[in-house]
Amino acid sequence: MAHMHRWKFSVLAAAAVALTGLYADDASALALGRITVQSALGEPLRAEIDLPQITPSEAETLRATTASPDVFRAQGMEFNPAVNNLRVQLQRRADGTAVLRLSSDRPINDPFVDLVLDASWGSGHIVRSYTMLFDPPTLRRAAPAVTAAPQITAPAAPV
């Protein structure tokens, strides 16, 4: 009986080690972070997707595109033709963090647009879904003219 118990423990230990190894590989894989929409409703798309960690080899081989309409459907997302010719570029911010910059020439006229991004690199592949929200453009008021206050000088006191 003790021999059987030891065998069960060994199998469980081996399975735990194997799963830990798989998890560790996945943990170091490229991840697509949150999306920040920078454009307003009626403007061409400008957005950034954070890349929390990316290695130089991943950056060198990364290719990201809008997924096909079939992938949108499989993800339960609605394909919008406005994302059809989306440009996706890997760039670094001034602080060194990596982002995917998304841009388009077509204005976005829907208050929300689904996006499924298909990214692949030398050692992996990921598909991530986003819903982008577009606020109405704000009324840009002209800034009031700023005039310098007159400088008042007091007469010098007699010495």
N, C-alpha and C. Protein backbone atom coordinates (compact mmCIF):
# COMPACT_ATOMS: atom_id res chain seq x y z
N MET A 1 0.82 -1.19 0.00
CA MET A 1 0.00 0.00 0.00
C MET A 1 0.86 1.25 0.00
N ALA A 2 1.94 1.27 0.79
CA ALA A 2 2.82 2.43 0.83
C ALA A 2 3.46 2.66 -0.53
N HIS A 3 3.79 1.57 -1.23
CA HIS A 3 4.39 1.69 -2.56
C HIS A 3 3.42 2.37 -3.52
N MET A 4 2.13 2.02 -3.48
CA MET A 4 1.10 2.61 -4.33
C MET A 4 0.95 4.10 -4.03
N HIS A 5 0.96 4.46 -2.76
CA HIS A 5 0.81 5.87 -2.35
C HIS A 5 1.99 6.69 -2.89
N ARG A 6 3.19 6.13 -2.81
CA ARG A 6 4.38 6.82 -3.30
C ARG A 6 4.28 7.04 -4.81
N TRP A 7 3.76 6.04 -5.55
CA TRP A 7 3.63 6.15 -7.00
C TRP A 7 2.66 7.28 -7.36
N LYS A 8 1.51 7.37 -6.65
CA LYS A 8 0.54 8.43 -6.90
C LYS A 8 1.17 9.79 -6.66
N PHE A 9 1.96 9.90 -5.59
CA PHE A 9 2.61 11.17 -5.27
C PHE A 9 3.59 11.54 -6.38
N SER A 10 4.34 10.56 -6.89
CA SER A 10 5.32 10.83 -7.94
C SER A 10 4.64 11.32 -9.21
N VAL A 11 3.52 10.71 -9.57
CA VAL A 11 2.78 11.13 -10.76
C VAL A 11 2.26 12.55 -10.58
N LEU A 12 1.70 12.83 -9.40
CA LEU A 12 1.19 14.18 -9.14
C LEU A 12 2.32 15.20 -9.15
N ALA A 13 3.46 14.85 -8.57
CA ALA A 13 4.60 15.76 -8.55
C ALA A 13 5.10 16.03 -9.97
N ALA A 14 5.19 14.99 -10.78
CA ALA A 14 5.64 15.15 -12.16
C ALA A 14 4.67 16.03 -12.95
N ALA A 15 3.37 15.82 -12.73
CA ALA A 15 2.37 16.64 -13.42
C ALA A 15 2.48 18.10 -12.99
N ALA A 16 2.69 18.33 -11.71
CA ALA A 16 2.82 19.71 -11.21
C ALA A 16 4.05 20.38 -11.80
N VAL A 17 5.16 19.66 -11.88
CA VAL A 17 6.38 20.23 -12.46
C VAL A 17 6.17 20.53 -13.94
N ALA A 18 5.53 19.63 -14.66
CA ALA A 18 5.27 19.84 -16.08
C ALA A 18 4.39 21.06 -16.30
N LEU A 19 3.33 21.19 -15.50
CA LEU A 19 2.44 22.34 -15.64
C LEU A 19 3.15 23.63 -15.27
N THR A 20 4.01 23.59 -14.27
CA THR A 20 4.77 24.78 -13.89
C THR A 20 5.68 25.19 -15.03
N GLY A 21 6.30 24.23 -15.67
CA GLY A 21 7.16 24.53 -16.82
C GLY A 21 6.38 25.17 -17.95
N LEU A 22 5.19 24.66 -18.23
CA LEU A 22 4.37 25.25 -19.28
C LEU A 22 3.93 26.66 -18.90
N TYR A 23 3.58 26.84 -17.66
CA TYR A 23 3.16 28.16 -17.20
C TYR A 23 4.31 29.14 -17.29
N ALA A 24 5.52 28.73 -16.92
CA ALA A 24 6.68 29.62 -16.96
C ALA A 24 6.96 30.05 -18.39
N ASP A 25 6.87 29.13 -19.36
CA ASP A 25 7.08 29.51 -20.76
C ASP A 25 6.04 30.53 -21.19
N ASP A 26 4.79 30.31 -20.82
CA ASP A 26 3.72 31.21 -21.21
C ASP A 26 3.87 32.57 -20.54
N ALA A 27 4.38 32.57 -19.30
CA ALA A 27 4.51 33.82 -18.56
C ALA A 27 5.53 34.75 -19.21
N SER A 28 6.52 34.19 -19.89
CA SER A 28 7.53 35.04 -20.52
C SER A 28 7.14 35.42 -21.94
N ALA A 29 6.01 34.94 -22.43
CA ALA A 29 5.58 35.24 -23.79
C ALA A 29 5.08 36.67 -23.90
N LEU A 30 5.11 37.18 -25.10
CA LEU A 30 4.62 38.52 -25.38
C LEU A 30 3.15 38.62 -25.00
N ALA A 31 2.78 39.74 -24.42
CA ALA A 31 1.38 39.97 -24.04
C ALA A 31 0.92 41.29 -24.63
N LEU A 32 -0.31 41.31 -25.08
CA LEU A 32 -0.92 42.55 -25.56
C LEU A 32 -1.69 43.14 -24.39
N GLY A 33 -1.32 44.35 -23.99
CA GLY A 33 -1.94 44.99 -22.84
C GLY A 33 -3.19 45.77 -23.20
N ARG A 34 -3.47 46.78 -22.39
CA ARG A 34 -4.69 47.57 -22.57
C ARG A 34 -4.55 48.50 -23.77
N ILE A 35 -5.69 48.89 -24.30
CA ILE A 35 -5.72 49.80 -25.44
C ILE A 35 -6.14 51.19 -24.95
N THR A 36 -5.52 52.21 -25.51
CA THR A 36 -5.87 53.60 -25.20
C THR A 36 -6.26 54.27 -26.51
N VAL A 37 -7.51 54.68 -26.62
CA VAL A 37 -8.00 55.35 -27.83
C VAL A 37 -7.69 56.84 -27.68
N GLN A 38 -7.05 57.42 -28.69
CA GLN A 38 -6.64 58.82 -28.64
C GLN A 38 -7.46 59.70 -29.58
N SER A 39 -8.30 59.11 -30.39
CA SER A 39 -9.09 59.90 -31.34
C SER A 39 -10.54 59.97 -30.88
N ALA A 40 -11.23 60.95 -31.43
CA ALA A 40 -12.64 61.15 -31.09
C ALA A 40 -13.51 60.61 -32.23
N LEU A 41 -14.77 60.52 -31.96
CA LEU A 41 -15.76 60.11 -32.95
C LEU A 41 -15.67 61.03 -34.16
N GLY A 42 -15.67 60.45 -35.36
CA GLY A 42 -15.59 61.23 -36.59
C GLY A 42 -14.17 61.51 -37.05
N GLU A 43 -13.18 61.08 -36.29
CA GLU A 43 -11.78 61.27 -36.66
C GLU A 43 -11.18 59.93 -37.07
N PRO A 44 -10.09 59.96 -37.85
CA PRO A 44 -9.38 58.71 -38.14
C PRO A 44 -8.88 58.09 -36.83
N LEU A 45 -8.78 56.78 -36.83
CA LEU A 45 -8.37 56.06 -35.63
C LEU A 45 -6.92 56.36 -35.27
N ARG A 46 -6.72 56.65 -34.00
CA ARG A 46 -5.40 56.75 -33.38
C ARG A 46 -5.53 56.08 -32.01
N ALA A 47 -4.77 55.02 -31.81
CA ALA A 47 -4.83 54.30 -30.54
C ALA A 47 -3.49 53.63 -30.29
N GLU A 48 -3.27 53.24 -29.04
CA GLU A 48 -2.05 52.53 -28.66
C GLU A 48 -2.41 51.33 -27.80
N ILE A 49 -1.70 50.24 -28.04
CA ILE A 49 -1.83 49.04 -27.21
C ILE A 49 -0.51 48.85 -26.49
N ASP A 50 -0.58 48.79 -25.16
CA ASP A 50 0.62 48.59 -24.36
C ASP A 50 1.18 47.19 -24.59
N LEU A 51 2.50 47.11 -24.63
CA LEU A 51 3.20 45.83 -24.65
C LEU A 51 4.02 45.77 -23.36
N PRO A 52 3.44 45.20 -22.29
CA PRO A 52 4.09 45.25 -20.98
C PRO A 52 5.51 44.69 -20.95
N GLN A 53 5.76 43.67 -21.74
CA GLN A 53 7.11 43.11 -21.81
C GLN A 53 7.31 42.53 -23.19
N ILE A 54 8.40 42.94 -23.82
CA ILE A 54 8.72 42.43 -25.15
C ILE A 54 10.24 42.32 -25.25
N THR A 55 10.71 41.19 -25.70
CA THR A 55 12.14 40.98 -25.84
C THR A 55 12.59 41.54 -27.19
N PRO A 56 13.89 41.79 -27.35
CA PRO A 56 14.38 42.27 -28.65
C PRO A 56 14.05 41.32 -29.80
N SER A 57 14.13 40.00 -29.57
CA SER A 57 13.82 39.06 -30.65
C SER A 57 12.33 39.08 -30.99
N GLU A 58 11.46 39.25 -29.98
CA GLU A 58 10.03 39.37 -30.25
C GLU A 58 9.75 40.65 -31.04
N ALA A 59 10.40 41.74 -30.66
CA ALA A 59 10.20 43.01 -31.34
C ALA A 59 10.64 42.92 -32.80
N GLU A 60 11.73 42.21 -33.04
CA GLU A 60 12.26 42.10 -34.40
C GLU A 60 11.34 41.31 -35.32
N THR A 61 10.64 40.32 -34.78
CA THR A 61 9.82 39.44 -35.62
C THR A 61 8.32 39.68 -35.49
N LEU A 62 7.92 40.64 -34.64
CA LEU A 62 6.49 40.87 -34.39
C LEU A 62 5.77 41.38 -35.64
N ARG A 63 4.64 40.75 -35.94
CA ARG A 63 3.75 41.18 -37.01
C ARG A 63 2.34 41.16 -36.43
N ALA A 64 1.67 42.30 -36.48
CA ALA A 64 0.31 42.39 -35.93
C ALA A 64 -0.61 42.98 -36.99
N THR A 65 -1.77 42.36 -37.15
CA THR A 65 -2.74 42.81 -38.14
C THR A 65 -4.15 42.64 -37.57
N THR A 66 -5.09 43.29 -38.22
CA THR A 66 -6.50 43.07 -37.90
C THR A 66 -6.85 41.65 -38.34
N ALA A 67 -7.52 40.92 -37.49
CA ALA A 67 -7.92 39.55 -37.82
C ALA A 67 -8.98 39.56 -38.93
N SER A 68 -9.18 38.41 -39.52
CA SER A 68 -10.18 38.28 -40.59
C SER A 68 -11.59 38.36 -40.00
N PRO A 69 -12.58 38.70 -40.82
CA PRO A 69 -13.97 38.73 -40.34
C PRO A 69 -14.41 37.40 -39.71
N ASP A 70 -13.88 36.27 -40.20
CA ASP A 70 -14.22 34.97 -39.61
C ASP A 70 -13.73 34.87 -38.16
N VAL A 71 -12.55 35.40 -37.89
CA VAL A 71 -12.01 35.37 -36.53
C VAL A 71 -12.84 36.29 -35.63
N PHE A 72 -13.26 37.44 -36.16
CA PHE A 72 -14.15 38.33 -35.39
C PHE A 72 -15.39 37.56 -34.96
N ARG A 73 -16.02 36.87 -35.92
CA ARG A 73 -17.24 36.11 -35.61
C ARG A 73 -16.97 35.03 -34.57
N ALA A 74 -15.85 34.33 -34.73
CA ALA A 74 -15.51 33.26 -33.78
C ALA A 74 -15.29 33.81 -32.37
N GLN A 75 -14.85 35.06 -32.28
CA GLN A 75 -14.62 35.71 -30.97
C GLN A 75 -15.89 36.38 -30.45
N GLY A 76 -16.97 36.33 -31.23
CA GLY A 76 -18.21 36.98 -30.81
C GLY A 76 -18.17 38.49 -30.97
N MET A 77 -17.33 38.97 -31.87
CA MET A 77 -17.15 40.41 -32.08
C MET A 77 -17.71 40.78 -33.46
N GLU A 78 -18.09 42.05 -33.60
CA GLU A 78 -18.64 42.53 -34.86
C GLU A 78 -17.53 43.17 -35.69
N PHE A 79 -17.36 42.70 -36.93
CA PHE A 79 -16.34 43.27 -37.82
C PHE A 79 -16.86 44.59 -38.37
N ASN A 80 -16.05 45.64 -38.25
CA ASN A 80 -16.38 46.96 -38.79
C ASN A 80 -15.39 47.26 -39.90
N PRO A 81 -15.86 47.58 -41.11
CA PRO A 81 -14.94 47.86 -42.22
C PRO A 81 -13.94 48.97 -41.92
N ALA A 82 -14.22 49.81 -40.94
CA ALA A 82 -13.29 50.90 -40.59
C ALA A 82 -11.94 50.38 -40.11
N VAL A 83 -11.88 49.14 -39.61
CA VAL A 83 -10.61 48.58 -39.14
C VAL A 83 -9.95 47.70 -40.20
N ASN A 84 -10.53 47.67 -41.38
CA ASN A 84 -10.02 46.80 -42.44
C ASN A 84 -8.61 47.16 -42.87
N ASN A 85 -8.31 48.43 -43.06
CA ASN A 85 -6.99 48.86 -43.52
C ASN A 85 -6.20 49.54 -42.40
N LEU A 86 -6.30 49.00 -41.23
CA LEU A 86 -5.64 49.55 -40.06
C LEU A 86 -4.12 49.37 -40.17
N ARG A 87 -3.37 50.43 -39.86
CA ARG A 87 -1.91 50.33 -39.80
C ARG A 87 -1.53 50.04 -38.35
N VAL A 88 -0.66 49.06 -38.17
CA VAL A 88 -0.20 48.68 -36.84
C VAL A 88 1.33 48.73 -36.85
N GLN A 89 1.89 49.59 -35.99
CA GLN A 89 3.34 49.76 -35.97
C GLN A 89 3.86 49.64 -34.54
N LEU A 90 4.94 48.90 -34.40
CA LEU A 90 5.62 48.80 -33.11
C LEU A 90 6.48 50.04 -32.93
N GLN A 91 6.29 50.74 -31.81
CA GLN A 91 7.08 51.94 -31.53
C GLN A 91 7.42 51.98 -30.06
N ARG A 92 8.42 52.78 -29.74
CA ARG A 92 8.82 52.99 -28.34
C ARG A 92 8.50 54.43 -27.95
N ARG A 93 7.92 54.57 -26.77
CA ARG A 93 7.66 55.90 -26.23
C ARG A 93 8.98 56.50 -25.73
N ALA A 94 8.94 57.77 -25.39
CA ALA A 94 10.13 58.45 -24.88
C ALA A 94 10.67 57.77 -23.62
N ASP A 95 9.77 57.18 -22.82
CA ASP A 95 10.21 56.51 -21.58
C ASP A 95 10.72 55.09 -21.83
N GLY A 96 10.74 54.64 -23.10
CA GLY A 96 11.27 53.33 -23.45
C GLY A 96 10.25 52.21 -23.51
N THR A 97 9.01 52.45 -23.08
CA THR A 97 8.01 51.39 -23.12
C THR A 97 7.56 51.16 -24.57
N ALA A 98 7.28 49.92 -24.88
CA ALA A 98 6.86 49.55 -26.23
C ALA A 98 5.35 49.59 -26.35
N VAL A 99 4.88 50.05 -27.50
CA VAL A 99 3.44 50.09 -27.80
C VAL A 99 3.23 49.71 -29.25
N LEU A 100 2.03 49.23 -29.53
CA LEU A 100 1.59 49.08 -30.91
C LEU A 100 0.75 50.31 -31.20
N ARG A 101 1.14 51.10 -32.20
CA ARG A 101 0.36 52.28 -32.59
C ARG A 101 -0.56 51.88 -33.72
N LEU A 102 -1.84 52.14 -33.53
CA LEU A 102 -2.86 51.83 -34.52
C LEU A 102 -3.32 53.14 -35.15
N SER A 103 -3.44 53.13 -36.47
CA SER A 103 -3.92 54.33 -37.15
C SER A 103 -4.65 53.94 -38.43
N SER A 104 -5.52 54.85 -38.86
CA SER A 104 -6.27 54.63 -40.09
C SER A 104 -6.48 55.96 -40.78
N ASP A 105 -6.85 55.90 -42.04
CA ASP A 105 -7.18 57.11 -42.79
C ASP A 105 -8.67 57.39 -42.74
N ARG A 106 -9.45 56.36 -42.51
CA ARG A 106 -10.91 56.51 -42.50
C ARG A 106 -11.40 57.01 -41.15
N PRO A 107 -12.33 57.95 -41.15
CA PRO A 107 -12.90 58.39 -39.87
C PRO A 107 -13.75 57.28 -39.26
N ILE A 108 -13.77 57.26 -37.94
CA ILE A 108 -14.59 56.31 -37.20
C ILE A 108 -15.89 57.01 -36.85
N ASN A 109 -17.00 56.49 -37.36
CA ASN A 109 -18.30 57.14 -37.15
C ASN A 109 -19.23 56.37 -36.22
N ASP A 110 -18.72 55.31 -35.62
CA ASP A 110 -19.50 54.54 -34.65
C ASP A 110 -18.94 54.81 -33.25
N PRO A 111 -19.80 54.94 -32.25
CA PRO A 111 -19.30 55.25 -30.90
C PRO A 111 -18.45 54.13 -30.28
N PHE A 112 -18.64 52.91 -30.74
CA PHE A 112 -17.75 51.84 -30.31
C PHE A 112 -17.48 50.92 -31.48
N VAL A 113 -16.25 50.40 -31.52
CA VAL A 113 -15.81 49.54 -32.61
C VAL A 113 -15.05 48.37 -31.99
N ASP A 114 -15.41 47.16 -32.41
CA ASP A 114 -14.69 45.97 -31.97
C ASP A 114 -13.42 45.82 -32.80
N LEU A 115 -12.39 45.31 -32.16
CA LEU A 115 -11.12 45.05 -32.83
C LEU A 115 -10.61 43.70 -32.35
N VAL A 116 -10.24 42.85 -33.29
CA VAL A 116 -9.55 41.61 -32.95
C VAL A 116 -8.20 41.70 -33.62
N LEU A 117 -7.16 41.70 -32.80
CA LEU A 117 -5.80 41.83 -33.30
C LEU A 117 -5.14 40.47 -33.31
N ASP A 118 -4.50 40.14 -34.41
CA ASP A 118 -3.80 38.88 -34.60
C ASP A 118 -2.31 39.20 -34.63
N ALA A 119 -1.58 38.77 -33.61
CA ALA A 119 -0.15 39.07 -33.52
C ALA A 119 0.65 37.78 -33.51
N SER A 120 1.73 37.77 -34.27
CA SER A 120 2.62 36.62 -34.27
C SER A 120 4.06 37.12 -34.26
N TRP A 121 4.94 36.31 -33.71
CA TRP A 121 6.36 36.60 -33.66
C TRP A 121 7.09 35.28 -33.76
N GLY A 122 8.39 35.30 -33.77
CA GLY A 122 9.18 34.11 -34.02
C GLY A 122 8.80 32.89 -33.22
N SER A 123 8.41 33.07 -31.96
CA SER A 123 8.13 31.90 -31.12
C SER A 123 6.71 31.84 -30.60
N GLY A 124 5.80 32.63 -31.17
CA GLY A 124 4.45 32.57 -30.64
C GLY A 124 3.41 33.29 -31.47
N HIS A 125 2.20 33.22 -30.98
CA HIS A 125 1.05 33.79 -31.67
C HIS A 125 -0.02 34.09 -30.63
N ILE A 126 -0.71 35.22 -30.78
CA ILE A 126 -1.78 35.57 -29.86
C ILE A 126 -2.87 36.31 -30.63
N VAL A 127 -4.10 36.07 -30.25
CA VAL A 127 -5.25 36.79 -30.80
C VAL A 127 -5.92 37.46 -29.60
N ARG A 128 -6.14 38.76 -29.68
CA ARG A 128 -6.73 39.50 -28.55
C ARG A 128 -7.86 40.38 -29.06
N SER A 129 -8.96 40.39 -28.33
CA SER A 129 -10.14 41.19 -28.68
C SER A 129 -10.20 42.44 -27.82
N TYR A 130 -10.62 43.53 -28.44
CA TYR A 130 -10.80 44.81 -27.76
C TYR A 130 -12.11 45.43 -28.23
N THR A 131 -12.69 46.26 -27.39
CA THR A 131 -13.79 47.13 -27.81
C THR A 131 -13.32 48.55 -27.56
N MET A 132 -13.24 49.32 -28.63
CA MET A 132 -12.77 50.70 -28.54
C MET A 132 -13.97 51.63 -28.44
N LEU A 133 -13.92 52.56 -27.50
CA LEU A 133 -14.98 53.55 -27.32
C LEU A 133 -14.50 54.90 -27.81
N PHE A 134 -15.34 55.57 -28.59
CA PHE A 134 -14.99 56.87 -29.16
C PHE A 134 -15.93 57.93 -28.61
N ASP A 135 -15.36 58.90 -27.92
CA ASP A 135 -16.14 60.00 -27.38
C ASP A 135 -16.43 61.01 -28.48
N PRO A 136 -17.54 61.75 -28.37
CA PRO A 136 -17.80 62.81 -29.34
C PRO A 136 -16.69 63.86 -29.24
N PRO A 137 -16.40 64.52 -30.36
CA PRO A 137 -15.35 65.55 -30.29
C PRO A 137 -15.77 66.66 -29.34
N THR A 138 -14.83 67.15 -28.60
CA THR A 138 -15.13 68.24 -27.68
C THR A 138 -15.13 69.55 -28.44
N LEU A 139 -15.93 70.46 -27.96
CA LEU A 139 -15.93 71.78 -28.58
C LEU A 139 -14.66 72.47 -28.15
N ARG A 140 -13.90 72.82 -29.13
CA ARG A 140 -12.63 73.49 -28.82
C ARG A 140 -12.85 74.98 -28.87
N ARG A 141 -12.92 75.54 -27.70
CA ARG A 141 -13.11 76.99 -27.63
C ARG A 141 -11.76 77.67 -27.81
N ALA A 142 -11.82 78.81 -28.43
CA ALA A 142 -10.59 79.58 -28.57
C ALA A 142 -10.17 80.04 -27.18
N ALA A 143 -8.91 79.91 -26.91
CA ALA A 143 -8.42 80.34 -25.59
C ALA A 143 -8.51 81.85 -25.51
N PRO A 144 -8.95 82.37 -24.39
CA PRO A 144 -9.03 83.82 -24.27
C PRO A 144 -7.64 84.43 -24.39
N ALA A 145 -7.61 85.58 -25.02
CA ALA A 145 -6.33 86.25 -25.18
C ALA A 145 -5.80 86.65 -23.81
N VAL A 146 -4.55 86.43 -23.62
CA VAL A 146 -3.93 86.77 -22.35
C VAL A 146 -3.17 88.06 -22.55
N THR A 147 -3.49 89.05 -21.75
CA THR A 147 -2.76 90.32 -21.83
C THR A 147 -2.00 90.50 -20.54
N ALA A 148 -0.86 91.08 -20.67
CA ALA A 148 -0.04 91.32 -19.48
C ALA A 148 -0.66 92.44 -18.67
N ALA A 149 -0.67 92.27 -17.38
CA ALA A 149 -1.18 93.33 -16.50
C ALA A 149 -0.19 94.49 -16.54
N PRO A 150 -0.72 95.71 -16.52
CA PRO A 150 0.21 96.85 -16.54
C PRO A 150 1.08 96.81 -15.30
N GLN A 151 2.33 97.13 -15.52
CA GLN A 151 3.26 97.11 -14.40
C GLN A 151 3.24 98.49 -13.74
N ILE A 152 2.98 98.51 -12.48
CA ILE A 152 2.90 99.78 -11.75
C ILE A 152 4.16 99.92 -10.92
N THR A 153 4.79 101.06 -11.09
CA THR A 153 5.99 101.30 -10.29
C THR A 153 5.72 102.48 -9.38
N ALA A 154 6.17 102.37 -8.21
CA ALA A 154 6.00 103.47 -7.25
C ALA A 154 7.18 104.42 -7.41
N PRO A 155 6.91 105.71 -7.23
CA PRO A 155 8.04 106.64 -7.34
C PRO A 155 9.05 106.34 -6.23
N ALA A 156 10.27 106.54 -6.55
CA ALA A 156 11.33 106.27 -5.58
C ALA A 156 11.20 107.23 -4.41
N ALA A 157 11.41 106.73 -3.24
CA ALA A 157 11.35 107.57 -2.05
C ALA A 157 12.59 108.45 -2.00
N PRO A 158 12.39 109.71 -1.57
CA PRO A 158 13.58 110.58 -1.49
C PRO A 158 14.58 110.02 -0.47
N VAL A 159 15.82 110.20 -0.76
CA VAL A 159 16.86 109.67 0.12
C VAL A 159 17.42 110.73 0.98
